[in-house]
Amino acid sequence: MKKLILFLLISMSATAQNKLWTENDRQELIANLKKTKDSLIKETQSLSIEQWNFRESPERWTIGEIVEHLGLWERIFARETNIALRSKPTPELNASSKPDSWYIDFMMEEKVHNAPDYARPMGFALGKDNLTTFLKIREQTIRFVETTQADLKAHFEPVGGENYRNVHQIFIVQYGHVSRHIRQIKKVKTHPNYPAL
């Protein structure tokens, strides 16, 4: 029995040492997930109904629609993460995958990104309700990252063709996506016709 326990402890120690996702990676994700959540709250917490619904032009989204879009993507990212973590670990894909910096740069670029139909806002919910939805899912995400023992750099999802990204990178895109739309919200607020409080 003692030999079996010793074997299990050695095996667990070796697995931990071989883990690609580090504690520093965890803390980086937590910090950025919290920072973008707090920034979104700050930009939207005191908005009037008119400000939530202000539209710069017919083809532009209101702040309420932007936040609805963010809530939709929070659910989509949660599903992608769940599916990737259910697949068998394939750490060898890191050798041919894009680096984390590529995903950070992609999310921070000025170029317009067009949302797929399934992530486009419908505009039916009130702005504050969209924020509540976003926050509920974001809190679940933060709790998951704080407590998971999974190796988030060993599980991947396909992203088109022969390309794959790991779960850590899904979270990078997730917080980068919010940061990107916070920039959009700030731009809406600078419009000369944006309603005053």
N, C-alpha and C. Protein backbone atom coordinates (compact mmCIF):
# COMPACT_ATOMS: atom_id res chain seq x y z
N MET A 1 0.83 -1.20 0.00
CA MET A 1 0.00 0.00 0.00
C MET A 1 0.87 1.26 0.00
N LYS A 2 1.93 1.24 0.83
CA LYS A 2 2.82 2.39 0.90
C LYS A 2 3.49 2.63 -0.45
N LYS A 3 3.85 1.52 -1.13
CA LYS A 3 4.49 1.65 -2.44
C LYS A 3 3.53 2.28 -3.45
N LEU A 4 2.26 1.90 -3.39
CA LEU A 4 1.25 2.44 -4.30
C LEU A 4 1.06 3.94 -4.05
N ILE A 5 0.98 4.35 -2.81
CA ILE A 5 0.82 5.77 -2.47
C ILE A 5 2.03 6.56 -2.94
N LEU A 6 3.23 6.00 -2.72
CA LEU A 6 4.45 6.69 -3.17
C LEU A 6 4.46 6.83 -4.68
N PHE A 7 4.04 5.78 -5.39
CA PHE A 7 3.98 5.81 -6.86
C PHE A 7 3.02 6.90 -7.33
N LEU A 8 1.85 6.99 -6.67
CA LEU A 8 0.86 7.99 -7.06
C LEU A 8 1.38 9.41 -6.81
N LEU A 9 2.07 9.61 -5.68
CA LEU A 9 2.62 10.92 -5.38
C LEU A 9 3.69 11.32 -6.38
N ILE A 10 4.53 10.38 -6.74
CA ILE A 10 5.58 10.65 -7.74
C ILE A 10 4.94 10.96 -9.09
N SER A 11 3.92 10.21 -9.46
CA SER A 11 3.22 10.44 -10.73
C SER A 11 2.56 11.81 -10.76
N MET A 12 1.92 12.18 -9.64
CA MET A 12 1.26 13.47 -9.57
C MET A 12 2.28 14.60 -9.65
N SER A 13 3.41 14.41 -9.00
CA SER A 13 4.47 15.42 -9.01
C SER A 13 5.03 15.58 -10.42
N ALA A 14 5.23 14.48 -11.11
CA ALA A 14 5.76 14.54 -12.48
C ALA A 14 4.77 15.23 -13.40
N THR A 15 3.47 14.94 -13.21
CA THR A 15 2.44 15.58 -14.04
C THR A 15 2.43 17.08 -13.81
N ALA A 16 2.52 17.50 -12.54
CA ALA A 16 2.54 18.93 -12.22
C ALA A 16 3.74 19.61 -12.83
N GLN A 17 4.90 18.93 -12.81
CA GLN A 17 6.11 19.51 -13.36
C GLN A 17 6.01 19.65 -14.88
N ASN A 18 5.31 18.76 -15.52
CA ASN A 18 5.17 18.78 -16.98
C ASN A 18 4.06 19.72 -17.46
N LYS A 19 3.34 20.31 -16.55
CA LYS A 19 2.23 21.18 -16.91
C LYS A 19 2.73 22.43 -17.63
N LEU A 20 2.11 22.73 -18.76
CA LEU A 20 2.52 23.89 -19.57
C LEU A 20 1.93 25.18 -19.04
N TRP A 21 0.73 25.09 -18.48
CA TRP A 21 0.03 26.27 -17.97
C TRP A 21 0.52 26.55 -16.56
N THR A 22 1.13 27.70 -16.35
CA THR A 22 1.78 28.01 -15.07
C THR A 22 0.88 28.84 -14.16
N GLU A 23 1.32 28.99 -12.93
CA GLU A 23 0.60 29.84 -11.98
C GLU A 23 0.64 31.30 -12.43
N ASN A 24 1.74 31.71 -13.05
CA ASN A 24 1.82 33.06 -13.61
C ASN A 24 0.79 33.27 -14.72
N ASP A 25 0.59 32.23 -15.56
CA ASP A 25 -0.45 32.29 -16.60
C ASP A 25 -1.82 32.49 -15.97
N ARG A 26 -2.08 31.74 -14.90
CA ARG A 26 -3.37 31.83 -14.21
C ARG A 26 -3.60 33.26 -13.71
N GLN A 27 -2.59 33.80 -13.01
CA GLN A 27 -2.74 35.14 -12.43
C GLN A 27 -2.90 36.21 -13.50
N GLU A 28 -2.23 36.03 -14.64
CA GLU A 28 -2.37 36.98 -15.74
C GLU A 28 -3.80 36.97 -16.28
N LEU A 29 -4.35 35.77 -16.47
CA LEU A 29 -5.74 35.69 -16.95
C LEU A 29 -6.71 36.29 -15.95
N ILE A 30 -6.56 35.94 -14.68
CA ILE A 30 -7.47 36.46 -13.65
C ILE A 30 -7.43 37.98 -13.64
N ALA A 31 -6.23 38.55 -13.66
CA ALA A 31 -6.08 40.01 -13.61
C ALA A 31 -6.78 40.67 -14.80
N ASN A 32 -6.60 40.12 -15.99
CA ASN A 32 -7.19 40.74 -17.18
C ASN A 32 -8.70 40.51 -17.28
N LEU A 33 -9.17 39.35 -16.84
CA LEU A 33 -10.61 39.10 -16.81
C LEU A 33 -11.30 40.05 -15.83
N LYS A 34 -10.68 40.28 -14.67
CA LYS A 34 -11.25 41.21 -13.68
C LYS A 34 -11.15 42.66 -14.17
N LYS A 35 -10.01 43.01 -14.73
CA LYS A 35 -9.80 44.39 -15.20
C LYS A 35 -10.83 44.77 -16.26
N THR A 36 -11.06 43.90 -17.24
CA THR A 36 -12.02 44.23 -18.30
C THR A 36 -13.45 44.22 -17.78
N LYS A 37 -13.74 43.35 -16.83
CA LYS A 37 -15.07 43.36 -16.19
C LYS A 37 -15.29 44.69 -15.48
N ASP A 38 -14.31 45.10 -14.68
CA ASP A 38 -14.43 46.35 -13.92
C ASP A 38 -14.51 47.56 -14.84
N SER A 39 -13.78 47.53 -15.94
CA SER A 39 -13.82 48.65 -16.90
C SER A 39 -15.19 48.76 -17.56
N LEU A 40 -15.79 47.60 -17.87
CA LEU A 40 -17.12 47.63 -18.48
C LEU A 40 -18.15 48.18 -17.49
N ILE A 41 -18.05 47.78 -16.24
CA ILE A 41 -18.95 48.32 -15.20
C ILE A 41 -18.78 49.83 -15.12
N LYS A 42 -17.54 50.28 -15.05
CA LYS A 42 -17.26 51.72 -14.93
C LYS A 42 -17.86 52.51 -16.08
N GLU A 43 -17.76 51.98 -17.30
CA GLU A 43 -18.24 52.70 -18.48
C GLU A 43 -19.76 52.69 -18.61
N THR A 44 -20.45 51.80 -17.90
CA THR A 44 -21.89 51.65 -18.12
C THR A 44 -22.75 51.83 -16.87
N GLN A 45 -22.16 51.90 -15.70
CA GLN A 45 -22.96 51.83 -14.47
C GLN A 45 -23.92 52.99 -14.26
N SER A 46 -23.61 54.17 -14.81
CA SER A 46 -24.45 55.34 -14.55
C SER A 46 -25.20 55.82 -15.79
N LEU A 47 -25.33 54.99 -16.79
CA LEU A 47 -25.96 55.42 -18.04
C LEU A 47 -27.47 55.58 -17.88
N SER A 48 -28.01 56.59 -18.54
CA SER A 48 -29.47 56.77 -18.61
C SER A 48 -30.01 55.85 -19.72
N ILE A 49 -31.31 55.69 -19.76
CA ILE A 49 -31.94 54.87 -20.82
C ILE A 49 -31.58 55.45 -22.19
N GLU A 50 -31.58 56.77 -22.29
CA GLU A 50 -31.26 57.43 -23.56
C GLU A 50 -29.82 57.14 -23.98
N GLN A 51 -28.91 57.11 -23.01
CA GLN A 51 -27.51 56.83 -23.32
C GLN A 51 -27.32 55.36 -23.73
N TRP A 52 -27.99 54.46 -23.03
CA TRP A 52 -27.92 53.05 -23.41
C TRP A 52 -28.39 52.85 -24.86
N ASN A 53 -29.41 53.63 -25.26
CA ASN A 53 -30.06 53.41 -26.56
C ASN A 53 -29.58 54.36 -27.66
N PHE A 54 -28.62 55.22 -27.36
CA PHE A 54 -28.14 56.17 -28.38
C PHE A 54 -27.43 55.43 -29.51
N ARG A 55 -27.79 55.83 -30.73
CA ARG A 55 -27.19 55.22 -31.93
C ARG A 55 -26.50 56.30 -32.75
N GLU A 56 -25.20 56.13 -32.99
CA GLU A 56 -24.43 57.12 -33.74
C GLU A 56 -24.97 57.29 -35.17
N SER A 57 -25.35 56.19 -35.78
CA SER A 57 -25.91 56.18 -37.14
C SER A 57 -26.67 54.87 -37.30
N PRO A 58 -27.52 54.76 -38.33
CA PRO A 58 -28.38 53.57 -38.45
C PRO A 58 -27.65 52.23 -38.42
N GLU A 59 -26.42 52.19 -38.95
CA GLU A 59 -25.70 50.91 -39.02
C GLU A 59 -24.84 50.61 -37.79
N ARG A 60 -24.79 51.57 -36.85
CA ARG A 60 -23.94 51.40 -35.67
C ARG A 60 -24.74 50.82 -34.50
N TRP A 61 -24.07 50.10 -33.60
CA TRP A 61 -24.73 49.54 -32.43
C TRP A 61 -24.83 50.57 -31.31
N THR A 62 -25.90 50.45 -30.52
CA THR A 62 -26.01 51.24 -29.29
C THR A 62 -25.10 50.61 -28.24
N ILE A 63 -24.89 51.32 -27.13
CA ILE A 63 -24.10 50.73 -26.03
C ILE A 63 -24.82 49.49 -25.50
N GLY A 64 -26.14 49.54 -25.42
CA GLY A 64 -26.89 48.36 -24.98
C GLY A 64 -26.65 47.16 -25.88
N GLU A 65 -26.60 47.39 -27.18
CA GLU A 65 -26.35 46.29 -28.13
C GLU A 65 -24.91 45.80 -28.04
N ILE A 66 -23.98 46.70 -27.81
CA ILE A 66 -22.58 46.29 -27.63
C ILE A 66 -22.47 45.36 -26.43
N VAL A 67 -23.12 45.73 -25.32
CA VAL A 67 -23.03 44.91 -24.10
C VAL A 67 -23.79 43.59 -24.29
N GLU A 68 -24.89 43.62 -25.05
CA GLU A 68 -25.58 42.36 -25.37
C GLU A 68 -24.65 41.44 -26.15
N HIS A 69 -23.96 42.00 -27.13
CA HIS A 69 -22.99 41.25 -27.93
C HIS A 69 -21.91 40.63 -27.04
N LEU A 70 -21.43 41.39 -26.07
CA LEU A 70 -20.42 40.88 -25.15
C LEU A 70 -20.96 39.70 -24.33
N GLY A 71 -22.21 39.81 -23.89
CA GLY A 71 -22.82 38.72 -23.14
C GLY A 71 -22.97 37.46 -23.98
N LEU A 72 -23.35 37.65 -25.25
CA LEU A 72 -23.46 36.50 -26.16
C LEU A 72 -22.11 35.80 -26.30
N TRP A 73 -21.06 36.59 -26.49
CA TRP A 73 -19.73 36.00 -26.66
C TRP A 73 -19.22 35.35 -25.37
N GLU A 74 -19.59 35.87 -24.21
CA GLU A 74 -19.18 35.22 -22.97
C GLU A 74 -19.71 33.78 -22.92
N ARG A 75 -20.96 33.60 -23.37
CA ARG A 75 -21.54 32.26 -23.41
C ARG A 75 -20.84 31.40 -24.45
N ILE A 76 -20.56 31.99 -25.60
CA ILE A 76 -19.88 31.24 -26.68
C ILE A 76 -18.50 30.80 -26.22
N PHE A 77 -17.75 31.71 -25.59
CA PHE A 77 -16.42 31.35 -25.10
C PHE A 77 -16.50 30.24 -24.05
N ALA A 78 -17.50 30.30 -23.18
CA ALA A 78 -17.67 29.26 -22.15
C ALA A 78 -17.90 27.90 -22.81
N ARG A 79 -18.69 27.88 -23.87
CA ARG A 79 -18.95 26.62 -24.57
C ARG A 79 -17.69 26.12 -25.26
N GLU A 80 -16.96 27.02 -25.91
CA GLU A 80 -15.72 26.62 -26.59
C GLU A 80 -14.72 26.03 -25.60
N THR A 81 -14.61 26.68 -24.45
CA THR A 81 -13.70 26.21 -23.40
C THR A 81 -14.10 24.82 -22.93
N ASN A 82 -15.39 24.64 -22.69
CA ASN A 82 -15.91 23.35 -22.22
C ASN A 82 -15.61 22.24 -23.21
N ILE A 83 -15.85 22.50 -24.49
CA ILE A 83 -15.60 21.49 -25.52
C ILE A 83 -14.12 21.17 -25.62
N ALA A 84 -13.27 22.21 -25.61
CA ALA A 84 -11.83 21.98 -25.72
C ALA A 84 -11.30 21.17 -24.54
N LEU A 85 -11.81 21.43 -23.34
CA LEU A 85 -11.32 20.73 -22.16
C LEU A 85 -11.81 19.28 -22.09
N ARG A 86 -12.85 18.97 -22.85
CA ARG A 86 -13.33 17.59 -22.89
C ARG A 86 -12.54 16.74 -23.89
N SER A 87 -11.77 17.41 -24.75
CA SER A 87 -10.95 16.67 -25.70
C SER A 87 -9.66 16.22 -25.02
N LYS A 88 -9.01 15.23 -25.61
CA LYS A 88 -7.78 14.74 -24.99
C LYS A 88 -6.67 15.78 -25.12
N PRO A 89 -5.78 15.85 -24.15
CA PRO A 89 -4.68 16.83 -24.23
C PRO A 89 -3.81 16.58 -25.47
N THR A 90 -3.46 17.65 -26.15
CA THR A 90 -2.57 17.57 -27.32
C THR A 90 -1.53 18.69 -27.22
N PRO A 91 -0.67 18.63 -26.21
CA PRO A 91 0.30 19.71 -26.01
C PRO A 91 1.24 19.92 -27.18
N GLU A 92 1.41 18.89 -28.00
CA GLU A 92 2.30 19.01 -29.15
C GLU A 92 1.84 20.06 -30.15
N LEU A 93 0.55 20.44 -30.10
CA LEU A 93 0.03 21.46 -31.03
C LEU A 93 0.63 22.85 -30.75
N ASN A 94 1.16 23.05 -29.54
CA ASN A 94 1.78 24.35 -29.23
C ASN A 94 2.93 24.68 -30.17
N ALA A 95 3.60 23.65 -30.66
CA ALA A 95 4.76 23.88 -31.52
C ALA A 95 4.38 24.53 -32.84
N SER A 96 3.15 24.27 -33.32
CA SER A 96 2.74 24.81 -34.62
C SER A 96 1.65 25.88 -34.51
N SER A 97 1.23 26.21 -33.29
CA SER A 97 0.16 27.19 -33.10
C SER A 97 0.74 28.60 -33.01
N LYS A 98 -0.13 29.58 -33.25
CA LYS A 98 0.28 30.97 -33.11
C LYS A 98 0.60 31.26 -31.63
N PRO A 99 1.53 32.18 -31.35
CA PRO A 99 1.85 32.51 -29.95
C PRO A 99 0.75 33.36 -29.31
N ASP A 100 0.77 33.45 -28.00
CA ASP A 100 -0.21 34.27 -27.27
C ASP A 100 -0.22 35.70 -27.78
N SER A 101 0.96 36.23 -28.08
CA SER A 101 1.07 37.64 -28.53
C SER A 101 0.28 37.89 -29.81
N TRP A 102 0.15 36.87 -30.66
CA TRP A 102 -0.61 37.03 -31.90
C TRP A 102 -2.07 37.33 -31.56
N TYR A 103 -2.63 36.62 -30.59
CA TYR A 103 -4.03 36.81 -30.20
C TYR A 103 -4.24 38.16 -29.51
N ILE A 104 -3.27 38.58 -28.72
CA ILE A 104 -3.35 39.91 -28.08
C ILE A 104 -3.35 40.99 -29.15
N ASP A 105 -2.42 40.90 -30.10
CA ASP A 105 -2.34 41.90 -31.18
C ASP A 105 -3.62 41.90 -32.03
N PHE A 106 -4.14 40.72 -32.30
CA PHE A 106 -5.36 40.59 -33.11
C PHE A 106 -6.53 41.30 -32.44
N MET A 107 -6.67 41.12 -31.13
CA MET A 107 -7.79 41.74 -30.43
C MET A 107 -7.61 43.25 -30.27
N MET A 108 -6.37 43.72 -30.25
CA MET A 108 -6.12 45.15 -30.03
C MET A 108 -6.00 45.96 -31.33
N GLU A 109 -6.03 45.29 -32.48
CA GLU A 109 -5.87 46.02 -33.73
C GLU A 109 -7.05 46.96 -33.96
N GLU A 110 -6.81 48.01 -34.74
CA GLU A 110 -7.85 49.01 -35.02
C GLU A 110 -8.83 48.53 -36.09
N LYS A 111 -8.41 47.58 -36.90
CA LYS A 111 -9.24 47.06 -37.99
C LYS A 111 -10.60 46.57 -37.46
N VAL A 112 -11.66 46.85 -38.22
CA VAL A 112 -13.01 46.44 -37.83
C VAL A 112 -13.13 44.91 -37.91
N HIS A 113 -13.73 44.32 -36.89
CA HIS A 113 -14.06 42.89 -36.88
C HIS A 113 -15.57 42.78 -37.05
N ASN A 114 -16.02 41.95 -37.96
CA ASN A 114 -17.46 41.78 -38.18
C ASN A 114 -17.96 40.57 -37.41
N ALA A 115 -19.00 40.79 -36.62
CA ALA A 115 -19.56 39.70 -35.80
C ALA A 115 -20.33 38.72 -36.68
N PRO A 116 -20.19 37.41 -36.40
CA PRO A 116 -21.03 36.43 -37.10
C PRO A 116 -22.49 36.62 -36.70
N ASP A 117 -23.40 36.12 -37.51
CA ASP A 117 -24.83 36.32 -37.25
C ASP A 117 -25.24 35.85 -35.85
N TYR A 118 -24.68 34.74 -35.39
CA TYR A 118 -25.10 34.20 -34.09
C TYR A 118 -24.64 35.05 -32.91
N ALA A 119 -23.77 36.02 -33.15
CA ALA A 119 -23.30 36.88 -32.05
C ALA A 119 -23.73 38.33 -32.24
N ARG A 120 -24.65 38.56 -33.17
CA ARG A 120 -25.13 39.92 -33.39
C ARG A 120 -26.28 40.21 -32.43
N PRO A 121 -26.28 41.39 -31.81
CA PRO A 121 -27.34 41.71 -30.84
C PRO A 121 -28.69 41.86 -31.51
N MET A 122 -29.75 41.50 -30.76
CA MET A 122 -31.11 41.65 -31.27
C MET A 122 -31.77 42.91 -30.72
N GLY A 123 -31.23 43.44 -29.62
CA GLY A 123 -31.72 44.70 -29.08
C GLY A 123 -33.01 44.61 -28.30
N PHE A 124 -33.39 43.41 -27.88
CA PHE A 124 -34.66 43.26 -27.17
C PHE A 124 -34.54 43.55 -25.67
N ALA A 125 -33.36 43.30 -25.09
CA ALA A 125 -33.19 43.47 -23.64
C ALA A 125 -32.73 44.88 -23.31
N LEU A 126 -33.08 45.34 -22.11
CA LEU A 126 -32.62 46.64 -21.64
C LEU A 126 -31.11 46.59 -21.40
N GLY A 127 -30.46 47.73 -21.54
CA GLY A 127 -29.02 47.80 -21.38
C GLY A 127 -28.52 47.20 -20.09
N LYS A 128 -29.15 47.57 -18.96
CA LYS A 128 -28.71 47.07 -17.66
C LYS A 128 -28.88 45.56 -17.56
N ASP A 129 -29.92 45.02 -18.19
CA ASP A 129 -30.12 43.57 -18.17
C ASP A 129 -29.01 42.86 -18.93
N ASN A 130 -28.55 43.47 -20.01
CA ASN A 130 -27.44 42.90 -20.76
C ASN A 130 -26.17 42.88 -19.92
N LEU A 131 -25.96 43.94 -19.15
CA LEU A 131 -24.80 43.99 -18.27
C LEU A 131 -24.89 42.91 -17.20
N THR A 132 -26.08 42.70 -16.64
CA THR A 132 -26.27 41.66 -15.63
C THR A 132 -25.93 40.29 -16.18
N THR A 133 -26.37 40.02 -17.41
CA THR A 133 -26.07 38.74 -18.07
C THR A 133 -24.57 38.57 -18.23
N PHE A 134 -23.92 39.61 -18.75
CA PHE A 134 -22.47 39.56 -18.95
C PHE A 134 -21.76 39.27 -17.63
N LEU A 135 -22.13 39.99 -16.58
CA LEU A 135 -21.44 39.87 -15.30
C LEU A 135 -21.61 38.49 -14.68
N LYS A 136 -22.79 37.91 -14.82
CA LYS A 136 -23.04 36.57 -14.26
C LYS A 136 -22.08 35.55 -14.89
N ILE A 137 -21.95 35.60 -16.20
CA ILE A 137 -21.09 34.63 -16.88
C ILE A 137 -19.62 34.94 -16.61
N ARG A 138 -19.27 36.23 -16.60
CA ARG A 138 -17.87 36.59 -16.36
C ARG A 138 -17.41 36.15 -14.97
N GLU A 139 -18.29 36.27 -13.96
CA GLU A 139 -17.93 35.82 -12.61
C GLU A 139 -17.69 34.31 -12.60
N GLN A 140 -18.52 33.57 -13.32
CA GLN A 140 -18.32 32.11 -13.42
C GLN A 140 -16.98 31.79 -14.07
N THR A 141 -16.64 32.56 -15.09
CA THR A 141 -15.37 32.37 -15.79
C THR A 141 -14.19 32.62 -14.86
N ILE A 142 -14.26 33.71 -14.11
CA ILE A 142 -13.17 34.04 -13.18
C ILE A 142 -13.01 32.95 -12.14
N ARG A 143 -14.13 32.47 -11.59
CA ARG A 143 -14.06 31.40 -10.58
C ARG A 143 -13.43 30.14 -11.17
N PHE A 144 -13.77 29.85 -12.42
CA PHE A 144 -13.19 28.67 -13.08
C PHE A 144 -11.67 28.82 -13.19
N VAL A 145 -11.21 29.97 -13.70
CA VAL A 145 -9.77 30.18 -13.88
C VAL A 145 -9.05 30.16 -12.54
N GLU A 146 -9.68 30.68 -11.50
CA GLU A 146 -9.07 30.69 -10.16
C GLU A 146 -8.87 29.29 -9.59
N THR A 147 -9.75 28.35 -9.95
CA THR A 147 -9.75 27.04 -9.27
C THR A 147 -9.36 25.85 -10.14
N THR A 148 -9.36 25.99 -11.46
CA THR A 148 -9.14 24.82 -12.31
C THR A 148 -7.74 24.23 -12.10
N GLN A 149 -7.67 22.93 -12.22
CA GLN A 149 -6.38 22.22 -12.20
C GLN A 149 -6.02 21.72 -13.59
N ALA A 150 -6.84 22.05 -14.58
CA ALA A 150 -6.57 21.61 -15.96
C ALA A 150 -5.36 22.35 -16.51
N ASP A 151 -4.68 21.72 -17.44
CA ASP A 151 -3.57 22.37 -18.14
C ASP A 151 -4.16 23.09 -19.35
N LEU A 152 -4.38 24.39 -19.20
CA LEU A 152 -5.08 25.14 -20.24
C LEU A 152 -4.25 25.35 -21.50
N LYS A 153 -2.98 24.98 -21.45
CA LYS A 153 -2.14 25.07 -22.65
C LYS A 153 -1.94 23.71 -23.31
N ALA A 154 -2.67 22.71 -22.83
CA ALA A 154 -2.57 21.37 -23.41
C ALA A 154 -3.84 20.95 -24.13
N HIS A 155 -4.90 21.75 -24.01
CA HIS A 155 -6.18 21.45 -24.66
C HIS A 155 -6.46 22.51 -25.72
N PHE A 156 -6.89 22.06 -26.89
CA PHE A 156 -7.03 22.95 -28.04
C PHE A 156 -8.40 22.87 -28.69
N GLU A 157 -8.71 23.92 -29.45
CA GLU A 157 -9.88 23.92 -30.33
C GLU A 157 -9.43 24.32 -31.72
N PRO A 158 -10.09 23.78 -32.76
CA PRO A 158 -9.75 24.21 -34.12
C PRO A 158 -10.28 25.62 -34.39
N VAL A 159 -9.52 26.41 -35.13
CA VAL A 159 -9.95 27.78 -35.46
C VAL A 159 -9.90 28.02 -36.97
N GLY A 160 -10.02 26.97 -37.74
CA GLY A 160 -10.04 27.10 -39.19
C GLY A 160 -8.82 26.49 -39.84
N GLY A 161 -9.07 25.67 -40.86
CA GLY A 161 -7.97 25.02 -41.58
C GLY A 161 -7.19 24.11 -40.65
N GLU A 162 -5.89 24.27 -40.66
CA GLU A 162 -5.00 23.46 -39.83
C GLU A 162 -4.62 24.19 -38.55
N ASN A 163 -5.31 25.27 -38.23
CA ASN A 163 -4.95 26.11 -37.09
C ASN A 163 -5.72 25.73 -35.83
N TYR A 164 -5.01 25.81 -34.69
CA TYR A 164 -5.60 25.50 -33.39
C TYR A 164 -5.17 26.55 -32.38
N ARG A 165 -6.03 26.79 -31.38
CA ARG A 165 -5.62 27.64 -30.26
C ARG A 165 -5.95 26.91 -28.97
N ASN A 166 -5.11 27.14 -27.96
CA ASN A 166 -5.34 26.44 -26.69
C ASN A 166 -6.33 27.23 -25.83
N VAL A 167 -6.75 26.63 -24.73
CA VAL A 167 -7.78 27.23 -23.88
C VAL A 167 -7.28 28.53 -23.26
N HIS A 168 -6.01 28.58 -22.89
CA HIS A 168 -5.44 29.83 -22.37
C HIS A 168 -5.65 30.95 -23.39
N GLN A 169 -5.47 30.64 -24.66
CA GLN A 169 -5.63 31.65 -25.72
C GLN A 169 -7.09 32.01 -25.94
N ILE A 170 -8.01 31.07 -25.69
CA ILE A 170 -9.43 31.42 -25.75
C ILE A 170 -9.72 32.51 -24.73
N PHE A 171 -9.16 32.38 -23.53
CA PHE A 171 -9.37 33.40 -22.49
C PHE A 171 -8.71 34.72 -22.85
N ILE A 172 -7.57 34.68 -23.53
CA ILE A 172 -6.93 35.92 -24.00
C ILE A 172 -7.87 36.65 -24.95
N VAL A 173 -8.44 35.90 -25.89
CA VAL A 173 -9.39 36.50 -26.84
C VAL A 173 -10.61 37.01 -26.10
N GLN A 174 -11.04 36.30 -25.06
CA GLN A 174 -12.23 36.69 -24.30
C GLN A 174 -12.03 38.05 -23.62
N TYR A 175 -10.93 38.23 -22.90
CA TYR A 175 -10.75 39.53 -22.25
C TYR A 175 -10.37 40.60 -23.26
N GLY A 176 -9.66 40.22 -24.32
CA GLY A 176 -9.32 41.17 -25.37
C GLY A 176 -10.55 41.67 -26.11
N HIS A 177 -11.53 40.78 -26.28
CA HIS A 177 -12.78 41.14 -26.94
C HIS A 177 -13.51 42.22 -26.16
N VAL A 178 -13.55 42.08 -24.85
CA VAL A 178 -14.21 43.08 -24.01
C VAL A 178 -13.45 44.40 -24.07
N SER A 179 -12.14 44.33 -23.98
CA SER A 179 -11.32 45.54 -24.06
C SER A 179 -11.55 46.29 -25.36
N ARG A 180 -11.65 45.54 -26.42
CA ARG A 180 -11.90 46.11 -27.75
C ARG A 180 -13.24 46.87 -27.79
N HIS A 181 -14.28 46.28 -27.18
CA HIS A 181 -15.59 46.91 -27.21
C HIS A 181 -15.73 48.04 -26.18
N ILE A 182 -14.93 48.01 -25.15
CA ILE A 182 -14.88 49.17 -24.24
C ILE A 182 -14.38 50.39 -25.01
N ARG A 183 -13.40 50.17 -25.87
CA ARG A 183 -12.91 51.24 -26.74
C ARG A 183 -14.05 51.76 -27.63
N GLN A 184 -14.88 50.85 -28.13
CA GLN A 184 -16.03 51.24 -28.96
C GLN A 184 -17.04 52.05 -28.14
N ILE A 185 -17.31 51.62 -26.90
CA ILE A 185 -18.25 52.34 -26.04
C ILE A 185 -17.75 53.76 -25.78
N LYS A 186 -16.47 53.89 -25.50
CA LYS A 186 -15.89 55.22 -25.27
C LYS A 186 -16.04 56.11 -26.50
N LYS A 187 -15.92 55.52 -27.67
CA LYS A 187 -16.09 56.28 -28.91
C LYS A 187 -17.53 56.76 -29.07
N VAL A 188 -18.50 55.89 -28.75
CA VAL A 188 -19.91 56.28 -28.81
C VAL A 188 -20.14 57.52 -27.94
N LYS A 189 -19.53 57.54 -26.76
CA LYS A 189 -19.73 58.63 -25.81
C LYS A 189 -19.15 59.96 -26.28
N THR A 190 -18.24 59.92 -27.25
CA THR A 190 -17.65 61.18 -27.75
C THR A 190 -18.46 61.80 -28.88
N HIS A 191 -19.51 61.10 -29.33
CA HIS A 191 -20.33 61.62 -30.43
C HIS A 191 -20.99 62.93 -30.00
N PRO A 192 -21.01 63.95 -30.88
CA PRO A 192 -21.59 65.24 -30.48
C PRO A 192 -23.06 65.18 -30.07
N ASN A 193 -23.79 64.19 -30.55
CA ASN A 193 -25.22 64.07 -30.20
C ASN A 193 -25.48 63.11 -29.05
N TYR A 194 -24.41 62.57 -28.44
CA TYR A 194 -24.60 61.65 -27.32
C TYR A 194 -25.32 62.37 -26.18
N PRO A 195 -26.41 61.80 -25.65
CA PRO A 195 -27.21 62.49 -24.64
C PRO A 195 -26.42 62.79 -23.36
N ALA A 196 -26.65 63.97 -22.82
CA ALA A 196 -26.04 64.33 -21.54
C ALA A 196 -26.84 63.71 -20.42
N LEU A 197 -26.24 63.55 -19.25
CA LEU A 197 -26.95 63.02 -18.08
C LEU A 197 -27.97 64.05 -17.58
